[in-house]
Amino acid sequence: MNFVAIDFETANNFKGSACALGLVRVENGNIVERKEWMIKPTPFEMGFYQNQVHKIELKDLVDKPTFKEIWHELKPLLDNQLVIAHNASFDFGVLNSVCSHYNIQTAQFTPMCSIALSRMAWQGEIGYGLSYLVASKLENYTFNHHNALEDAEACAHLVLKVLDELSLASIEEIYQFKANNQAKKRSTGVSKKKKTLEIAINESHSNAFNGKEVVFTGTLEYFVRKDAQALIKRLGGSCSSGVSNRTNYVVIGQSDVYRVSQGYKSSKISMAEQLVAIGYKIKIITENEFIEMLSA
């Protein structure tokens, strides 16, 4: 299994204010390279919260290279690689933002999140933060949390532990395991709610979706999207692939619920919020709320 683990630290509230980057390269299950960059951030200021987290002082970054100046060294390490980060939406968001700021075309790679991998290996944990997982899953392993290189290396060790736990040896096997797991979860979830759905279908003229237009966004946890759309039609409603002033409900899949919690929104959610702001009555609901409404 070959991959690259990365971790960014930022200097302030600007998403692209990278001030430190750690990178660990893994080949055939072994760490073969470690690299760390201290980076002069833009804008050149240090936020109080960020400093409290990573303890990096602004004075120590004055003479460091900008991200643009290290890009020639970093890009070849990312291109055509499987790149993994813990809470990947943050790290890849930093990468995209800083590349955009410097008008740099980002590297071409396959992104993956070690939180998602950890959820596959260890279900029902009280948390999936890096420090918790390292303490609970990596025996006798300690690290300096929020040091970019040490976080990247801890992420790499955690991924190797997940792969060993699940007996996976390639990215293809990871995707297949994930697909099988999602299919099983959907089957179990739908089975548990079968009676609720049957009641809703039998009472289609009094349900909340009769005569309403519904738009789905993100990956659903309990349904394949086409099955959810078929259900809405059986209930007397309609579905659309895009949000408009005719939309009544936008149902957010689990992947988008997570992204929204991290500050990211799909184009469908953004459009719905814009229409709500000018007076249209569109309700944005989670998949669990959608299922609850079926039994109301």
C-alpha atoms as a PDB file:
ATOM      1  CA  MET A   1       0.000   0.000   0.000  1.00  0.00           C
ATOM      2  CA  ASN A   2       1.527   3.291  -1.143  1.00  0.00           C
ATOM      3  CA  PHE A   3       0.224   6.692  -0.029  1.00  0.00           C
ATOM      4  CA  VAL A   4       1.180  10.147   1.200  1.00  0.00           C
ATOM      5  CA  ALA A   5      -0.082  11.563   4.524  1.00  0.00           C
ATOM      6  CA  ILE A   6      -0.182  15.340   4.995  1.00  0.00           C
ATOM      7  CA  ASP A   7      -1.112  17.856   7.667  1.00  0.00           C
ATOM      8  CA  PHE A   8      -1.440  21.655   7.434  1.00  0.00           C
ATOM      9  CA  GLU A   9      -1.369  24.222  10.221  1.00  0.00           C
ATOM     10  CA  THR A  10      -2.774  27.684   9.508  1.00  0.00           C
ATOM     11  CA  ALA A  11      -1.815  31.083  10.899  1.00  0.00           C
ATOM     12  CA  ASN A  12      -5.169  32.855  10.944  1.00  0.00           C
ATOM     13  CA  ASN A  13      -8.797  32.622   9.890  1.00  0.00           C
ATOM     14  CA  PHE A  14      -7.999  32.865   6.176  1.00  0.00           C
ATOM     15  CA  LYS A  15      -8.320  29.294   4.878  1.00  0.00           C
ATOM     16  CA  GLY A  16      -5.193  29.625   2.773  1.00  0.00           C
ATOM     17  CA  SER A  17      -2.923  30.946   5.538  1.00  0.00           C
ATOM     18  CA  ALA A  18      -0.737  27.829   5.634  1.00  0.00           C
ATOM     19  CA  CYS A  19       2.156  28.293   8.039  1.00  0.00           C
ATOM     20  CA  ALA A  20       3.357  24.693   8.412  1.00  0.00           C
ATOM     21  CA  LEU A  21       3.055  21.510   6.379  1.00  0.00           C
ATOM     22  CA  GLY A  22       4.088  17.983   7.265  1.00  0.00           C
ATOM     23  CA  LEU A  23       4.301  15.184   4.701  1.00  0.00           C
ATOM     24  CA  VAL A  24       5.049  11.482   5.150  1.00  0.00           C
ATOM     25  CA  ARG A  25       5.449   9.108   2.210  1.00  0.00           C
ATOM     26  CA  VAL A  26       4.609   5.428   2.616  1.00  0.00           C
ATOM     27  CA  GLU A  27       5.732   2.689   0.230  1.00  0.00           C
ATOM     28  CA  ASN A  28       4.752  -0.968   0.624  1.00  0.00           C
ATOM     29  CA  GLY A  29       3.503  -0.266   4.119  1.00  0.00           C
ATOM     30  CA  ASN A  30       6.703   1.430   5.316  1.00  0.00           C
ATOM     31  CA  ILE A  31       7.467   5.102   5.919  1.00  0.00           C
ATOM     32  CA  VAL A  32      10.239   6.016   3.482  1.00  0.00           C
ATOM     33  CA  GLU A  33      10.263   9.826   3.616  1.00  0.00           C
ATOM     34  CA  ARG A  34       9.406  12.626   6.025  1.00  0.00           C
ATOM     35  CA  LYS A  35       9.352  16.291   5.063  1.00  0.00           C
ATOM     36  CA  GLU A  36       8.371  19.456   6.908  1.00  0.00           C
ATOM     37  CA  TRP A  37       8.014  23.044   5.720  1.00  0.00           C
ATOM     38  CA  MET A  38       7.556  26.178   7.780  1.00  0.00           C
ATOM     39  CA  ILE A  39       5.755  28.688   5.558  1.00  0.00           C
ATOM     40  CA  LYS A  40       5.418  32.455   5.528  1.00  0.00           C
ATOM     41  CA  PRO A  41       1.627  32.878   5.607  1.00  0.00           C
ATOM     42  CA  THR A  42      -0.629  35.271   3.738  1.00  0.00           C
ATOM     43  CA  PRO A  43      -1.883  37.494   5.270  1.00  0.00           C
ATOM     44  CA  PHE A  44       1.177  37.749   7.497  1.00  0.00           C
ATOM     45  CA  GLU A  45      -0.564  37.673  10.868  1.00  0.00           C
ATOM     46  CA  MET A  46      -1.057  35.102  13.613  1.00  0.00           C
ATOM     47  CA  GLY A  47      -4.467  34.511  15.139  1.00  0.00           C
ATOM     48  CA  PHE A  48      -4.727  34.032  18.900  1.00  0.00           C
ATOM     49  CA  TYR A  49      -6.613  30.743  18.608  1.00  0.00           C
ATOM     50  CA  GLN A  50      -4.242  29.321  15.980  1.00  0.00           C
ATOM     51  CA  ASN A  51      -1.213  30.213  18.084  1.00  0.00           C
ATOM     52  CA  GLN A  52      -2.752  28.545  21.132  1.00  0.00           C
ATOM     53  CA  VAL A  53      -3.249  25.356  19.101  1.00  0.00           C
ATOM     54  CA  HIS A  54       0.102  24.914  17.348  1.00  0.00           C
ATOM     55  CA  LYS A  55       2.350  27.354  19.332  1.00  0.00           C
ATOM     56  CA  ILE A  56       3.997  28.703  16.167  1.00  0.00           C
ATOM     57  CA  GLU A  57       5.168  32.309  16.586  1.00  0.00           C
ATOM     58  CA  LEU A  58       4.913  34.828  13.780  1.00  0.00           C
ATOM     59  CA  LYS A  59       8.500  35.995  14.325  1.00  0.00           C
ATOM     60  CA  ASP A  60       9.704  32.493  13.443  1.00  0.00           C
ATOM     61  CA  LEU A  61       8.055  32.721  10.011  1.00  0.00           C
ATOM     62  CA  VAL A  62       9.474  36.049   8.826  1.00  0.00           C
ATOM     63  CA  ASP A  63      12.298  34.512   6.807  1.00  0.00           C
ATOM     64  CA  LYS A  64      10.478  31.358   5.722  1.00  0.00           C
ATOM     65  CA  PRO A  65       9.514  30.755   2.074  1.00  0.00           C
ATOM     66  CA  THR A  66       5.987  31.404   0.858  1.00  0.00           C
ATOM     67  CA  PHE A  67       3.854  28.490  -0.280  1.00  0.00           C
ATOM     68  CA  LYS A  68       4.484  29.497  -3.878  1.00  0.00           C
ATOM     69  CA  GLU A  69       8.221  29.163  -3.284  1.00  0.00           C
ATOM     70  CA  ILE A  70       7.942  25.573  -1.965  1.00  0.00           C
ATOM     71  CA  TRP A  71       5.433  24.427  -4.573  1.00  0.00           C
ATOM     72  CA  HIS A  72       8.088  23.134  -7.004  1.00  0.00           C
ATOM     73  CA  GLU A  73       9.265  20.794  -4.238  1.00  0.00           C
ATOM     74  CA  LEU A  74       5.823  19.794  -2.960  1.00  0.00           C
ATOM     75  CA  LYS A  75       3.900  19.182  -6.192  1.00  0.00           C
ATOM     76  CA  PRO A  76       5.918  16.135  -7.369  1.00  0.00           C
ATOM     77  CA  LEU A  77       5.284  14.482  -3.997  1.00  0.00           C
ATOM     78  CA  LEU A  78       1.507  14.816  -4.444  1.00  0.00           C
ATOM     79  CA  ASP A  79       1.001  14.251  -8.163  1.00  0.00           C
ATOM     80  CA  ASN A  80      -0.681  10.941  -9.041  1.00  0.00           C
ATOM     81  CA  GLN A  81      -0.617   9.789  -5.416  1.00  0.00           C
ATOM     82  CA  LEU A  82      -3.194   8.630  -2.904  1.00  0.00           C
ATOM     83  CA  VAL A  83      -3.079  11.541  -0.430  1.00  0.00           C
ATOM     84  CA  ILE A  84      -4.583  11.053   3.032  1.00  0.00           C
ATOM     85  CA  ALA A  85      -5.231  13.567   5.811  1.00  0.00           C
ATOM     86  CA  HIS A  86      -7.041  13.382   9.131  1.00  0.00           C
ATOM     87  CA  ASN A  87     -10.170  15.546   8.784  1.00  0.00           C
ATOM     88  CA  ALA A  88      -9.266  15.811   5.110  1.00  0.00           C
ATOM     89  CA  SER A  89     -11.801  18.521   4.251  1.00  0.00           C
ATOM     90  CA  PHE A  90      -9.717  20.958   6.317  1.00  0.00           C
ATOM     91  CA  ASP A  91      -6.322  20.075   4.856  1.00  0.00           C
ATOM     92  CA  PHE A  92      -7.475  19.822   1.249  1.00  0.00           C
ATOM     93  CA  GLY A  93      -9.440  23.031   1.767  1.00  0.00           C
ATOM     94  CA  VAL A  94      -6.214  24.762   2.859  1.00  0.00           C
ATOM     95  CA  LEU A  95      -4.374  23.348  -0.151  1.00  0.00           C
ATOM     96  CA  ASN A  96      -7.062  24.502  -2.582  1.00  0.00           C
ATOM     97  CA  SER A  97      -7.283  27.946  -0.988  1.00  0.00           C
ATOM     98  CA  VAL A  98      -3.554  28.643  -0.953  1.00  0.00           C
ATOM     99  CA  CYS A  99      -3.184  27.385  -4.549  1.00  0.00           C
ATOM    100  CA  SER A 100      -6.051  29.646  -5.578  1.00  0.00           C
ATOM    101  CA  HIS A 101      -4.476  32.601  -3.769  1.00  0.00           C
ATOM    102  CA  TYR A 102      -1.221  32.186  -5.685  1.00  0.00           C
ATOM    103  CA  ASN A 103      -2.994  31.226  -8.921  1.00  0.00           C
ATOM    104  CA  ILE A 104      -1.321  27.797  -8.831  1.00  0.00           C
ATOM    105  CA  GLN A 105      -2.854  24.785 -10.544  1.00  0.00           C
ATOM    106  CA  THR A 106      -3.121  22.205  -7.796  1.00  0.00           C
ATOM    107  CA  ALA A 107      -1.666  18.704  -8.051  1.00  0.00           C
ATOM    108  CA  GLN A 108      -3.679  15.790  -9.432  1.00  0.00           C
ATOM    109  CA  PHE A 109      -4.152  13.157  -6.745  1.00  0.00           C
ATOM    110  CA  THR A 110      -6.702  10.852  -5.113  1.00  0.00           C
ATOM    111  CA  PRO A 111      -7.855  12.352  -1.785  1.00  0.00           C
ATOM    112  CA  MET A 112      -8.900  10.271   1.198  1.00  0.00           C
ATOM    113  CA  CYS A 113      -9.748  10.975   4.842  1.00  0.00           C
ATOM    114  CA  SER A 114      -8.342   8.887   7.682  1.00  0.00           C
ATOM    115  CA  ILE A 115     -11.404   9.704   9.793  1.00  0.00           C
ATOM    116  CA  ALA A 116     -13.593   7.945   7.210  1.00  0.00           C
ATOM    117  CA  LEU A 117     -11.177   5.006   7.146  1.00  0.00           C
ATOM    118  CA  SER A 118     -11.182   4.850  10.954  1.00  0.00           C
ATOM    119  CA  ARG A 119     -14.980   4.781  11.025  1.00  0.00           C
ATOM    120  CA  MET A 120     -14.853   1.756   8.727  1.00  0.00           C
ATOM    121  CA  ALA A 121     -12.477  -0.077  11.068  1.00  0.00           C
ATOM    122  CA  TRP A 122     -13.835   0.995  14.454  1.00  0.00           C
ATOM    123  CA  GLN A 123     -17.536   1.732  14.573  1.00  0.00           C
ATOM    124  CA  GLY A 124     -19.195   3.423  17.530  1.00  0.00           C
ATOM    125  CA  GLU A 125     -16.111   5.125  18.987  1.00  0.00           C
ATOM    126  CA  ILE A 126     -16.729   8.046  21.354  1.00  0.00           C
ATOM    127  CA  GLY A 127     -14.628  10.190  19.049  1.00  0.00           C
ATOM    128  CA  TYR A 128     -12.493  10.100  15.924  1.00  0.00           C
ATOM    129  CA  GLY A 129     -10.039  12.908  16.626  1.00  0.00           C
ATOM    130  CA  LEU A 130      -6.412  12.128  15.878  1.00  0.00           C
ATOM    131  CA  SER A 131      -5.210  12.271  19.482  1.00  0.00           C
ATOM    132  CA  TYR A 132      -7.994   9.952  20.697  1.00  0.00           C
ATOM    133  CA  LEU A 133      -7.461   7.381  17.956  1.00  0.00           C
ATOM    134  CA  VAL A 134      -3.687   7.387  18.398  1.00  0.00           C
ATOM    135  CA  ALA A 135      -4.053   6.866  22.145  1.00  0.00           C
ATOM    136  CA  SER A 136      -6.668   4.129  21.812  1.00  0.00           C
ATOM    137  CA  LYS A 137      -5.493   2.278  18.677  1.00  0.00           C
ATOM    138  CA  LEU A 138      -1.707   2.692  18.443  1.00  0.00           C
ATOM    139  CA  GLU A 139      -0.036   0.929  21.331  1.00  0.00           C
ATOM    140  CA  ASN A 140       2.838   2.833  22.985  1.00  0.00           C
ATOM    141  CA  TYR A 141       2.786   5.533  20.298  1.00  0.00           C
ATOM    142  CA  THR A 142       3.111   9.161  21.370  1.00  0.00           C
ATOM    143  CA  PHE A 143       3.303  12.342  19.324  1.00  0.00           C
ATOM    144  CA  ASN A 144       3.270  16.122  19.617  1.00  0.00           C
ATOM    145  CA  HIS A 145      -0.252  16.921  18.458  1.00  0.00           C
ATOM    146  CA  HIS A 146      -0.555  19.955  16.115  1.00  0.00           C
ATOM    147  CA  ASN A 147       3.042  19.713  15.013  1.00  0.00           C
ATOM    148  CA  ALA A 148       2.443  19.322  11.266  1.00  0.00           C
ATOM    149  CA  LEU A 149       5.042  16.618  10.640  1.00  0.00           C
ATOM    150  CA  GLU A 150       4.129  14.614  13.739  1.00  0.00           C
ATOM    151  CA  ASP A 151       0.419  14.811  12.872  1.00  0.00           C
ATOM    152  CA  ALA A 152       1.149  13.608   9.330  1.00  0.00           C
ATOM    153  CA  GLU A 153       3.210  10.709  10.659  1.00  0.00           C
ATOM    154  CA  ALA A 154       0.547   9.793  13.234  1.00  0.00           C
ATOM    155  CA  CYS A 155      -2.018   9.837  10.430  1.00  0.00           C
ATOM    156  CA  ALA A 156       0.188   7.490   8.374  1.00  0.00           C
ATOM    157  CA  HIS A 157       0.555   5.028  11.268  1.00  0.00           C
ATOM    158  CA  LEU A 158      -3.192   5.171  11.902  1.00  0.00           C
ATOM    159  CA  VAL A 159      -3.962   4.402   8.241  1.00  0.00           C
ATOM    160  CA  LEU A 160      -1.568   1.443   8.306  1.00  0.00           C
ATOM    161  CA  LYS A 161      -3.331   0.183  11.449  1.00  0.00           C
ATOM    162  CA  VAL A 162      -6.724   0.498   9.711  1.00  0.00           C
ATOM    163  CA  LEU A 163      -5.488  -1.404   6.655  1.00  0.00           C
ATOM    164  CA  ASP A 164      -4.147  -4.158   8.897  1.00  0.00           C
ATOM    165  CA  GLU A 165      -7.353  -4.236  10.925  1.00  0.00           C
ATOM    166  CA  LEU A 166      -9.493  -4.641   7.803  1.00  0.00           C
ATOM    167  CA  SER A 167      -6.978  -6.771   5.874  1.00  0.00           C
ATOM    168  CA  LEU A 168      -6.931  -4.305   2.973  1.00  0.00           C
ATOM    169  CA  ALA A 169      -3.939  -3.949   0.677  1.00  0.00           C
ATOM    170  CA  SER A 170      -4.923  -1.487  -2.056  1.00  0.00           C
ATOM    171  CA  ILE A 171      -7.082   1.537  -2.783  1.00  0.00           C
ATOM    172  CA  GLU A 172      -9.358  -0.693  -4.866  1.00  0.00           C
ATOM    173  CA  GLU A 173      -9.947  -2.926  -1.853  1.00  0.00           C
ATOM    174  CA  ILE A 174     -10.714   0.138   0.288  1.00  0.00           C
ATOM    175  CA  TYR A 175     -13.359   1.319  -2.184  1.00  0.00           C
ATOM    176  CA  GLN A 176     -14.862  -2.171  -2.421  1.00  0.00           C
ATOM    177  CA  PHE A 177     -14.996  -2.521   1.370  1.00  0.00           C
ATOM    178  CA  LYS A 178     -16.645   0.891   1.634  1.00  0.00           C
ATOM    179  CA  ALA A 179     -19.220   0.027  -1.045  1.00  0.00           C
ATOM    180  CA  ASN A 180     -20.045  -3.299   0.631  1.00  0.00           C
ATOM    181  CA  ASN A 181     -20.302  -1.615   4.024  1.00  0.00           C
ATOM    182  CA  GLN A 182     -22.624   1.101   2.699  1.00  0.00           C
ATOM    183  CA  ALA A 183     -24.819  -1.475   0.987  1.00  0.00           C
ATOM    184  CA  LYS A 184     -25.077  -3.472   4.218  1.00  0.00           C
ATOM    185  CA  LYS A 185     -25.835  -0.336   6.231  1.00  0.00           C
ATOM    186  CA  ARG A 186     -28.545   0.725   3.799  1.00  0.00           C
ATOM    187  CA  SER A 187     -30.083  -2.746   3.874  1.00  0.00           C
ATOM    188  CA  THR A 188     -30.094  -2.823   7.689  1.00  0.00           C
ATOM    189  CA  GLY A 189     -31.424   0.716   7.986  1.00  0.00           C
ATOM    190  CA  VAL A 190     -34.221   0.228   5.484  1.00  0.00           C
ATOM    191  CA  SER A 191     -35.182  -3.053   7.132  1.00  0.00           C
ATOM    192  CA  LYS A 192     -35.547  -1.334  10.514  1.00  0.00           C
ATOM    193  CA  LYS A 193     -37.709   1.386   8.997  1.00  0.00           C
ATOM    194  CA  LYS A 194     -39.685  -0.842   6.622  1.00  0.00           C
ATOM    195  CA  LYS A 195     -42.905  -0.596   8.625  1.00  0.00           C
ATOM    196  CA  THR A 196     -42.640   3.203   8.788  1.00  0.00           C
ATOM    197  CA  LEU A 197     -42.162   3.433   5.037  1.00  0.00           C
ATOM    198  CA  GLU A 198     -45.024   1.026   4.304  1.00  0.00           C
ATOM    199  CA  ILE A 199     -47.373   3.088   6.493  1.00  0.00           C
ATOM    200  CA  ALA A 200     -46.321   6.259   4.695  1.00  0.00           C
ATOM    201  CA  ILE A 201     -46.844   4.682   1.272  1.00  0.00           C
ATOM    202  CA  ASN A 202     -50.255   3.348   2.235  1.00  0.00           C
ATOM    203  CA  GLU A 203     -51.283   6.799   3.432  1.00  0.00           C
ATOM    204  CA  SER A 204     -49.740   8.669   0.514  1.00  0.00           C
ATOM    205  CA  HIS A 205     -52.548  11.219   0.306  1.00  0.00           C
ATOM    206  CA  SER A 206     -51.893  12.529   3.826  1.00  0.00           C
ATOM    207  CA  ASN A 207     -48.100  12.423   3.928  1.00  0.00           C
ATOM    208  CA  ALA A 208     -45.842  15.489   4.062  1.00  0.00           C
ATOM    209  CA  PHE A 209     -44.467  14.971   0.542  1.00  0.00           C
ATOM    210  CA  ASN A 210     -47.711  14.619  -1.390  1.00  0.00           C
ATOM    211  CA  GLY A 211     -47.720  17.366  -4.033  1.00  0.00           C
ATOM    212  CA  LYS A 212     -44.259  18.600  -3.000  1.00  0.00           C
ATOM    213  CA  GLU A 213     -41.013  18.829  -4.959  1.00  0.00           C
ATOM    214  CA  VAL A 214     -37.962  17.264  -3.302  1.00  0.00           C
ATOM    215  CA  VAL A 215     -34.275  17.601  -4.180  1.00  0.00           C
ATOM    216  CA  PHE A 216     -31.638  15.228  -2.770  1.00  0.00           C
ATOM    217  CA  THR A 217     -27.980  16.235  -2.312  1.00  0.00           C
ATOM    218  CA  GLY A 218     -25.016  14.197  -1.082  1.00  0.00           C
ATOM    219  CA  THR A 219     -24.711  10.448  -0.429  1.00  0.00           C
ATOM    220  CA  LEU A 220     -27.710   8.989   1.384  1.00  0.00           C
ATOM    221  CA  GLU A 221     -27.089   6.592   4.258  1.00  0.00           C
ATOM    222  CA  TYR A 222     -30.232   4.461   4.113  1.00  0.00           C
ATOM    223  CA  PHE A 223     -31.234   4.744   0.454  1.00  0.00           C
ATOM    224  CA  VAL A 224     -29.826   4.582  -3.002  1.00  0.00           C
ATOM    225  CA  ARG A 225     -30.856   7.986  -4.388  1.00  0.00           C
ATOM    226  CA  LYS A 226     -32.970   6.582  -7.237  1.00  0.00           C
ATOM    227  CA  ASP A 227     -34.931   4.479  -4.700  1.00  0.00           C
ATOM    228  CA  ALA A 228     -35.577   7.554  -2.539  1.00  0.00           C
ATOM    229  CA  GLN A 229     -36.750   9.467  -5.608  1.00  0.00           C
ATOM    230  CA  ALA A 230     -39.048   6.587  -6.567  1.00  0.00           C
ATOM    231  CA  LEU A 231     -40.484   6.613  -3.043  1.00  0.00           C
ATOM    232  CA  ILE A 232     -41.282  10.336  -3.270  1.00  0.00           C
ATOM    233  CA  LYS A 233     -43.133   9.733  -6.537  1.00  0.00           C
ATOM    234  CA  ARG A 234     -45.126   6.885  -4.937  1.00  0.00           C
ATOM    235  CA  LEU A 235     -46.061   9.301  -2.160  1.00  0.00           C
ATOM    236  CA  GLY A 236     -47.500  11.725  -4.688  1.00  0.00           C
ATOM    237  CA  GLY A 237     -44.555  14.115  -4.837  1.00  0.00           C
ATOM    238  CA  SER A 238     -41.947  14.878  -7.468  1.00  0.00           C
ATOM    239  CA  CYS A 239     -38.161  15.092  -7.605  1.00  0.00           C
ATOM    240  CA  SER A 240     -35.790  17.437  -9.380  1.00  0.00           C
ATOM    241  CA  SER A 241     -32.055  17.344  -9.986  1.00  0.00           C
ATOM    242  CA  GLY A 242     -31.708  21.045  -9.170  1.00  0.00           C
ATOM    243  CA  VAL A 243     -33.079  23.575  -6.671  1.00  0.00           C
ATOM    244  CA  SER A 244     -35.521  26.202  -7.956  1.00  0.00           C
ATOM    245  CA  ASN A 245     -38.377  28.360  -6.696  1.00  0.00           C
ATOM    246  CA  ARG A 246     -40.613  25.289  -7.095  1.00  0.00           C
ATOM    247  CA  THR A 247     -38.586  23.257  -4.581  1.00  0.00           C
ATOM    248  CA  ASN A 248     -40.203  22.481  -1.222  1.00  0.00           C
ATOM    249  CA  TYR A 249     -37.589  20.256   0.445  1.00  0.00           C
ATOM    250  CA  VAL A 250     -33.843  19.739   0.082  1.00  0.00           C
ATOM    251  CA  VAL A 251     -32.746  16.472   1.733  1.00  0.00           C
ATOM    252  CA  ILE A 252     -29.061  16.437   2.758  1.00  0.00           C
ATOM    253  CA  GLY A 253     -27.199  13.134   2.556  1.00  0.00           C
ATOM    254  CA  GLN A 254     -24.703  12.144   5.235  1.00  0.00           C
ATOM    255  CA  SER A 255     -21.656  13.293   3.259  1.00  0.00           C
ATOM    256  CA  ASP A 256     -23.112  16.792   2.927  1.00  0.00           C
ATOM    257  CA  VAL A 257     -24.143  16.922   6.609  1.00  0.00           C
ATOM    258  CA  TYR A 258     -20.482  16.432   7.477  1.00  0.00           C
ATOM    259  CA  ARG A 259     -19.300  18.989   4.912  1.00  0.00           C
ATOM    260  CA  VAL A 260     -21.834  21.582   6.140  1.00  0.00           C
ATOM    261  CA  SER A 261     -20.546  21.090   9.705  1.00  0.00           C
ATOM    262  CA  GLN A 262     -17.057  21.925   8.392  1.00  0.00           C
ATOM    263  CA  GLY A 263     -18.227  25.087   6.625  1.00  0.00           C
ATOM    264  CA  TYR A 264     -18.656  23.682   3.126  1.00  0.00           C
ATOM    265  CA  LYS A 265     -21.955  23.627   1.222  1.00  0.00           C
ATOM    266  CA  SER A 266     -23.017  22.015  -2.025  1.00  0.00           C
ATOM    267  CA  SER A 267     -24.341  24.217  -4.822  1.00  0.00           C
ATOM    268  CA  LYS A 268     -27.846  22.876  -4.093  1.00  0.00           C
ATOM    269  CA  ILE A 269     -27.699  23.927  -0.439  1.00  0.00           C
ATOM    270  CA  SER A 270     -26.306  27.340  -1.369  1.00  0.00           C
ATOM    271  CA  MET A 271     -29.064  27.890  -3.944  1.00  0.00           C
ATOM    272  CA  ALA A 272     -31.741  26.838  -1.440  1.00  0.00           C
ATOM    273  CA  GLU A 273     -30.399  29.289   1.143  1.00  0.00           C
ATOM    274  CA  GLN A 274     -30.356  32.095  -1.425  1.00  0.00           C
ATOM    275  CA  LEU A 275     -34.000  31.430  -2.314  1.00  0.00           C
ATOM    276  CA  VAL A 276     -35.006  31.226   1.359  1.00  0.00           C
ATOM    277  CA  ALA A 277     -33.310  34.592   1.930  1.00  0.00           C
ATOM    278  CA  ILE A 278     -35.600  36.254  -0.623  1.00  0.00           C
ATOM    279  CA  GLY A 279     -38.757  34.691   0.728  1.00  0.00           C
ATOM    280  CA  TYR A 280     -39.231  31.225  -0.784  1.00  0.00           C
ATOM    281  CA  LYS A 281     -40.345  28.535   1.665  1.00  0.00           C
ATOM    282  CA  ILE A 282     -37.787  25.787   1.156  1.00  0.00           C
ATOM    283  CA  LYS A 283     -36.975  23.441   4.029  1.00  0.00           C
ATOM    284  CA  ILE A 284     -33.459  21.982   4.237  1.00  0.00           C
ATOM    285  CA  ILE A 285     -33.599  18.679   6.145  1.00  0.00           C
ATOM    286  CA  THR A 286     -31.290  15.758   6.930  1.00  0.00           C
ATOM    287  CA  GLU A 287     -31.998  12.203   5.819  1.00  0.00           C
ATOM    288  CA  ASN A 288     -32.998  11.283   9.382  1.00  0.00           C
ATOM    289  CA  GLU A 289     -35.522  14.155   9.416  1.00  0.00           C
ATOM    290  CA  PHE A 290     -36.775  12.945   6.032  1.00  0.00           C
ATOM    291  CA  ILE A 291     -37.414   9.482   7.467  1.00  0.00           C
ATOM    292  CA  GLU A 292     -39.108  10.922  10.562  1.00  0.00           C
ATOM    293  CA  MET A 293     -41.434  12.949   8.328  1.00  0.00           C
ATOM    294  CA  LEU A 294     -42.463   9.751   6.534  1.00  0.00           C
ATOM    295  CA  SER A 295     -44.007   8.475   9.764  1.00  0.00           C
ATOM    296  CA  ALA A 296     -45.577  11.755  10.834  1.00  0.00           C
END
